[in-house]
Amino acid sequence: MDIRAVIRDLEEIAPPEYAEEMDAGRIGLVIEGTEDVAGIACALDATPRVIDIALRTGTDLLVVHHTPLWTPVTAVRGPLASLLRSVLAADLNIYVMHTNFDRARGGINDALAGILDLSSIGPMSLGICGDCSLDACAVAQRLGAPLRVWGVPPLPCRIGVVGGSGFDPALISEAASQGAEAFLSAELKHATARVSPLPLLESTHYALESPGMRLLAERQGWEYIDDPPVLSIWT
């Protein structure tokens, strides 16, 4: 397919207008490669390992959640130079769907709702709120990742869920206003935990967002390239 036709399909899946303001210039086709696209792969991040696997499997377009070019680039050297050298030499396209895919139907947060068997689901400004029939141990098992619990959530209960770094006081308060008794997200700051009106469940960024990209790949018939961070827990 022509890359322009593929992009039209991707924009139907995750309309660019759904994105947060912070994503301006950071979603869509962030690295342009060949116009003729045959092989498509999907991943959470465009890591060196993901790029290597994509190139070895004949990928022409890599669809990721996180852009590899988040900050403005004034010099190309080190790890960035190495990554871009491989991508550009292979004519690989990289397409990003970030907060627009968080909000999209069948996107990041809808995937979490399915994994956690949430019911009576309501949308939030960036996330969802639903009734969860699982306890904390079962939530961790479903996510396949460690779960840190701040406070005493009365699980099973109604919870707010935001894939990625969603521990924002405004989002936590929004979940509480929708009847949530707990809140699940990633990358919690101490100060936020101290002032939260709800008990908090903290998983990893990868565990909360990779399921959405994996399900997208399954729906579209693409290869999903898994590359979870190496994580060790010591107590």
Protein backbone atom coordinates (compact mmCIF):
# COMPACT_ATOMS: atom_id res chain seq x y z
CA MET A 1 0.00 0.00 0.00
CA ASP A 2 0.96 3.61 -0.47
CA ILE A 3 1.99 5.18 2.85
CA ARG A 4 -0.66 7.89 2.40
CA ALA A 5 -3.41 5.29 2.28
CA VAL A 6 -2.04 3.60 5.39
CA ILE A 7 -1.94 6.94 7.22
CA ARG A 8 -5.60 7.56 6.35
CA ASP A 9 -6.45 4.21 7.96
CA LEU A 10 -4.36 5.00 11.04
CA GLU A 11 -6.05 8.38 11.46
CA GLU A 12 -9.42 6.63 11.45
CA ILE A 13 -8.23 4.35 14.25
CA ALA A 14 -6.82 7.24 16.34
CA PRO A 15 -7.97 10.64 15.01
CA PRO A 16 -5.20 13.23 15.50
CA GLU A 17 -7.71 15.74 16.90
CA TYR A 18 -8.14 13.48 19.95
CA ALA A 19 -4.56 14.21 21.04
CA GLU A 20 -3.57 16.39 23.97
CA GLU A 21 -1.94 19.74 23.21
CA MET A 22 1.43 18.39 24.41
CA ASP A 23 1.43 16.00 21.45
CA ALA A 24 1.44 18.76 18.83
CA GLY A 25 4.12 17.82 16.29
CA ARG A 26 4.84 14.54 18.10
CA ILE A 27 2.25 12.21 16.57
CA GLY A 28 1.63 10.92 13.08
CA LEU A 29 4.47 10.15 10.68
CA VAL A 30 7.43 11.39 12.70
CA ILE A 31 10.07 9.68 10.54
CA GLU A 32 9.42 9.38 6.81
CA GLY A 33 10.66 6.37 4.87
CA THR A 34 9.59 4.39 1.84
CA GLU A 35 6.27 5.29 0.18
CA ASP A 36 5.53 1.64 -0.63
CA VAL A 37 4.45 -0.16 2.54
CA ALA A 38 4.11 -3.94 2.70
CA GLY A 39 5.19 -5.02 6.20
CA ILE A 40 3.77 -3.27 9.30
CA ALA A 41 4.83 -3.88 12.89
CA CYS A 42 3.65 -2.39 16.17
CA ALA A 43 5.35 -1.72 19.51
CA LEU A 44 5.05 0.52 22.54
CA ASP A 45 8.44 2.19 22.04
CA ALA A 46 10.87 2.54 19.14
CA THR A 47 13.79 1.07 21.11
CA PRO A 48 17.00 -0.18 19.43
CA ARG A 49 15.83 -3.78 19.99
CA VAL A 50 12.43 -3.06 18.44
CA ILE A 51 14.05 -1.32 15.45
CA ASP A 52 16.45 -4.24 14.97
CA ILE A 53 13.63 -6.81 14.97
CA ALA A 54 11.49 -4.64 12.70
CA LEU A 55 14.27 -4.38 10.13
CA ARG A 56 15.13 -8.08 10.28
CA THR A 57 11.48 -9.01 9.65
CA GLY A 58 11.01 -6.78 6.62
CA THR A 59 8.99 -4.02 8.26
CA ASP A 60 8.33 -0.88 6.22
CA LEU A 61 6.19 0.89 8.83
CA LEU A 62 6.56 0.76 12.61
CA VAL A 63 3.55 2.02 14.59
CA VAL A 64 4.42 3.03 18.17
CA HIS A 65 2.76 4.74 21.12
CA HIS A 66 5.74 6.84 22.22
CA THR A 67 7.68 9.02 19.82
CA PRO A 68 11.45 8.52 19.78
CA LEU A 69 11.77 12.30 19.26
CA TRP A 70 10.00 13.69 22.32
CA THR A 71 12.31 16.64 22.97
CA PRO A 72 13.43 19.18 20.34
CA VAL A 73 16.58 17.95 18.58
CA THR A 74 19.48 20.38 18.22
CA ALA A 75 22.21 17.75 17.82
CA VAL A 76 22.13 14.20 16.47
CA ARG A 77 24.69 12.06 18.28
CA GLY A 78 25.01 9.16 20.70
CA PRO A 79 22.03 6.77 21.05
CA LEU A 80 19.77 9.01 18.95
CA ALA A 81 22.27 9.09 16.08
CA SER A 82 22.59 5.31 16.23
CA LEU A 83 18.84 4.79 16.16
CA LEU A 84 18.22 7.29 13.36
CA ARG A 85 21.10 5.91 11.31
CA SER A 86 19.45 2.48 11.27
CA VAL A 87 15.95 3.83 10.61
CA LEU A 88 16.92 6.21 7.80
CA ALA A 89 19.29 3.74 6.11
CA ALA A 90 16.47 1.20 5.92
CA ASP A 91 13.82 3.71 4.72
CA LEU A 92 11.68 2.72 7.72
CA ASN A 93 8.58 4.81 8.46
CA ILE A 94 7.76 5.46 12.12
CA TYR A 95 4.21 6.50 12.96
CA VAL A 96 3.15 7.61 16.45
CA MET A 97 -0.31 7.44 18.04
CA HIS A 98 -0.08 8.70 21.62
CA THR A 99 -2.81 10.49 23.58
CA ASN A 100 -5.08 10.27 20.55
CA PHE A 101 -4.93 6.47 20.93
CA ASP A 102 -5.50 6.79 24.69
CA ARG A 103 -8.87 8.34 23.87
CA ALA A 104 -9.72 6.31 20.79
CA ARG A 105 -12.32 3.57 20.77
CA GLY A 106 -10.46 0.29 21.23
CA GLY A 107 -7.37 2.19 22.37
CA ILE A 108 -5.10 2.07 25.41
CA ASN A 109 -7.72 2.56 28.11
CA ASP A 110 -10.35 0.37 26.45
CA ALA A 111 -7.78 -2.43 26.36
CA LEU A 112 -7.24 -2.03 30.11
CA ALA A 113 -10.98 -2.15 30.68
CA GLY A 114 -11.08 -5.48 28.89
CA ILE A 115 -8.12 -6.93 30.77
CA LEU A 116 -9.61 -5.93 34.13
CA ASP A 117 -13.19 -6.94 33.19
CA LEU A 118 -14.52 -3.50 34.07
CA SER A 119 -18.26 -2.93 33.83
CA SER A 120 -20.51 0.16 33.93
CA ILE A 121 -17.69 2.04 32.22
CA GLY A 122 -17.75 5.81 31.92
CA PRO A 123 -15.25 8.03 30.08
CA MET A 124 -12.96 10.49 31.83
CA SER A 125 -11.06 13.37 30.21
CA LEU A 126 -8.07 11.04 29.82
CA GLY A 127 -9.01 7.58 31.04
CA ILE A 128 -12.02 5.57 32.13
CA CYS A 129 -13.93 4.73 35.29
CA GLY A 130 -15.59 1.36 35.86
CA ASP A 131 -16.62 -1.31 38.34
CA CYS A 132 -13.84 -3.81 39.04
CA SER A 133 -14.64 -7.25 40.49
CA LEU A 134 -10.98 -8.11 41.14
CA ASP A 135 -8.84 -7.79 44.25
CA ALA A 136 -5.36 -6.22 44.14
CA CYS A 137 -3.60 -9.56 43.63
CA ALA A 138 -5.83 -10.41 40.66
CA VAL A 139 -5.26 -6.95 39.15
CA ALA A 140 -1.48 -7.53 39.30
CA GLN A 141 -1.91 -10.98 37.74
CA ARG A 142 -4.04 -9.63 34.90
CA LEU A 143 -1.50 -6.89 34.18
CA GLY A 144 1.43 -9.28 34.47
CA ALA A 145 3.39 -6.74 36.50
CA PRO A 146 4.07 -5.71 40.11
CA LEU A 147 1.42 -3.54 41.77
CA ARG A 148 2.16 -1.04 44.54
CA VAL A 149 -0.84 -0.05 46.62
CA TRP A 150 -1.02 3.26 48.45
CA GLY A 151 -3.70 3.31 51.12
CA VAL A 152 -6.38 0.65 51.48
CA PRO A 153 -8.52 0.32 48.34
CA PRO A 154 -11.81 -1.48 49.06
CA LEU A 155 -11.42 -3.82 46.07
CA PRO A 156 -13.59 -5.08 44.45
CA CYS A 157 -14.89 -1.56 43.86
CA ARG A 158 -15.31 1.16 41.27
CA ILE A 159 -11.93 2.41 40.03
CA GLY A 160 -10.51 5.11 37.80
CA VAL A 161 -7.97 3.85 35.26
CA VAL A 162 -5.49 5.88 33.21
CA GLY A 163 -2.92 4.09 31.05
CA GLY A 164 0.59 5.54 31.33
CA SER A 165 1.54 8.38 33.67
CA GLY A 166 -1.92 9.38 34.86
CA PHE A 167 -1.45 10.25 38.52
CA ASP A 168 -2.63 13.80 38.07
CA PRO A 169 -4.60 15.27 41.01
CA ALA A 170 -7.26 16.58 38.60
CA LEU A 171 -7.73 13.12 37.07
CA ILE A 172 -7.89 11.46 40.49
CA SER A 173 -10.53 13.99 41.60
CA GLU A 174 -12.45 13.41 38.36
CA ALA A 175 -12.52 9.67 39.08
CA ALA A 176 -13.71 10.34 42.62
CA SER A 177 -16.53 12.51 41.27
CA GLN A 178 -17.64 9.50 39.18
CA GLY A 179 -17.88 7.32 42.27
CA ALA A 180 -14.44 5.70 42.09
CA GLU A 181 -13.05 4.33 45.35
CA ALA A 182 -9.55 3.67 43.98
CA PHE A 183 -7.35 4.83 41.08
CA LEU A 184 -4.93 2.87 38.88
CA SER A 185 -2.10 4.36 36.82
CA ALA A 186 1.73 4.51 36.65
CA GLU A 187 4.66 6.62 37.89
CA LEU A 188 3.24 8.04 41.11
CA LYS A 189 4.93 10.98 42.84
CA HIS A 190 5.10 11.06 46.63
CA ALA A 191 3.45 14.48 46.85
CA THR A 192 0.50 13.28 44.75
CA ALA A 193 0.04 10.19 46.93
CA ARG A 194 -0.05 12.34 50.05
CA VAL A 195 -2.92 14.53 48.86
CA SER A 196 -4.93 11.93 46.95
CA PRO A 197 -8.58 11.60 47.99
CA LEU A 198 -8.49 7.96 46.83
CA PRO A 199 -6.29 4.92 47.53
CA LEU A 200 -3.90 4.44 44.62
CA LEU A 201 -2.78 1.38 42.68
CA GLU A 202 0.53 1.85 40.87
CA SER A 203 1.61 -0.48 38.07
CA THR A 204 4.31 0.06 35.44
CA HIS A 205 3.97 2.31 32.43
CA TYR A 206 4.73 -0.61 30.11
CA ALA A 207 2.19 -2.94 31.72
CA LEU A 208 -0.60 -0.39 31.36
CA GLU A 209 0.06 0.70 27.77
CA SER A 210 1.51 -2.29 25.93
CA PRO A 211 -1.79 -4.26 25.99
CA GLY A 212 -3.46 -1.60 23.87
CA MET A 213 -0.72 -1.71 21.24
CA ARG A 214 -0.68 -5.51 21.29
CA LEU A 215 -4.45 -5.67 20.71
CA LEU A 216 -4.14 -3.12 17.91
CA ALA A 217 -1.56 -5.33 16.20
CA GLU A 218 -3.81 -8.38 16.58
CA ARG A 219 -6.83 -6.56 15.12
CA GLN A 220 -4.87 -5.25 12.15
CA GLY A 221 -2.88 -8.42 11.46
CA TRP A 222 0.46 -6.76 12.23
CA GLU A 223 3.44 -8.18 14.10
CA TYR A 224 3.69 -6.98 17.70
CA ILE A 225 7.25 -6.52 18.96
CA ASP A 226 7.43 -6.89 22.73
CA ASP A 227 10.26 -5.11 24.56
CA PRO A 228 9.46 -4.72 28.28
CA PRO A 229 11.99 -2.95 30.51
CA VAL A 230 14.11 -5.16 32.74
CA LEU A 231 12.55 -4.82 36.19
CA SER A 232 13.72 -6.27 39.51
CA ILE A 233 11.89 -5.88 42.83
CA TRP A 234 13.91 -6.11 46.07
CA THR A 235 12.37 -6.14 49.54
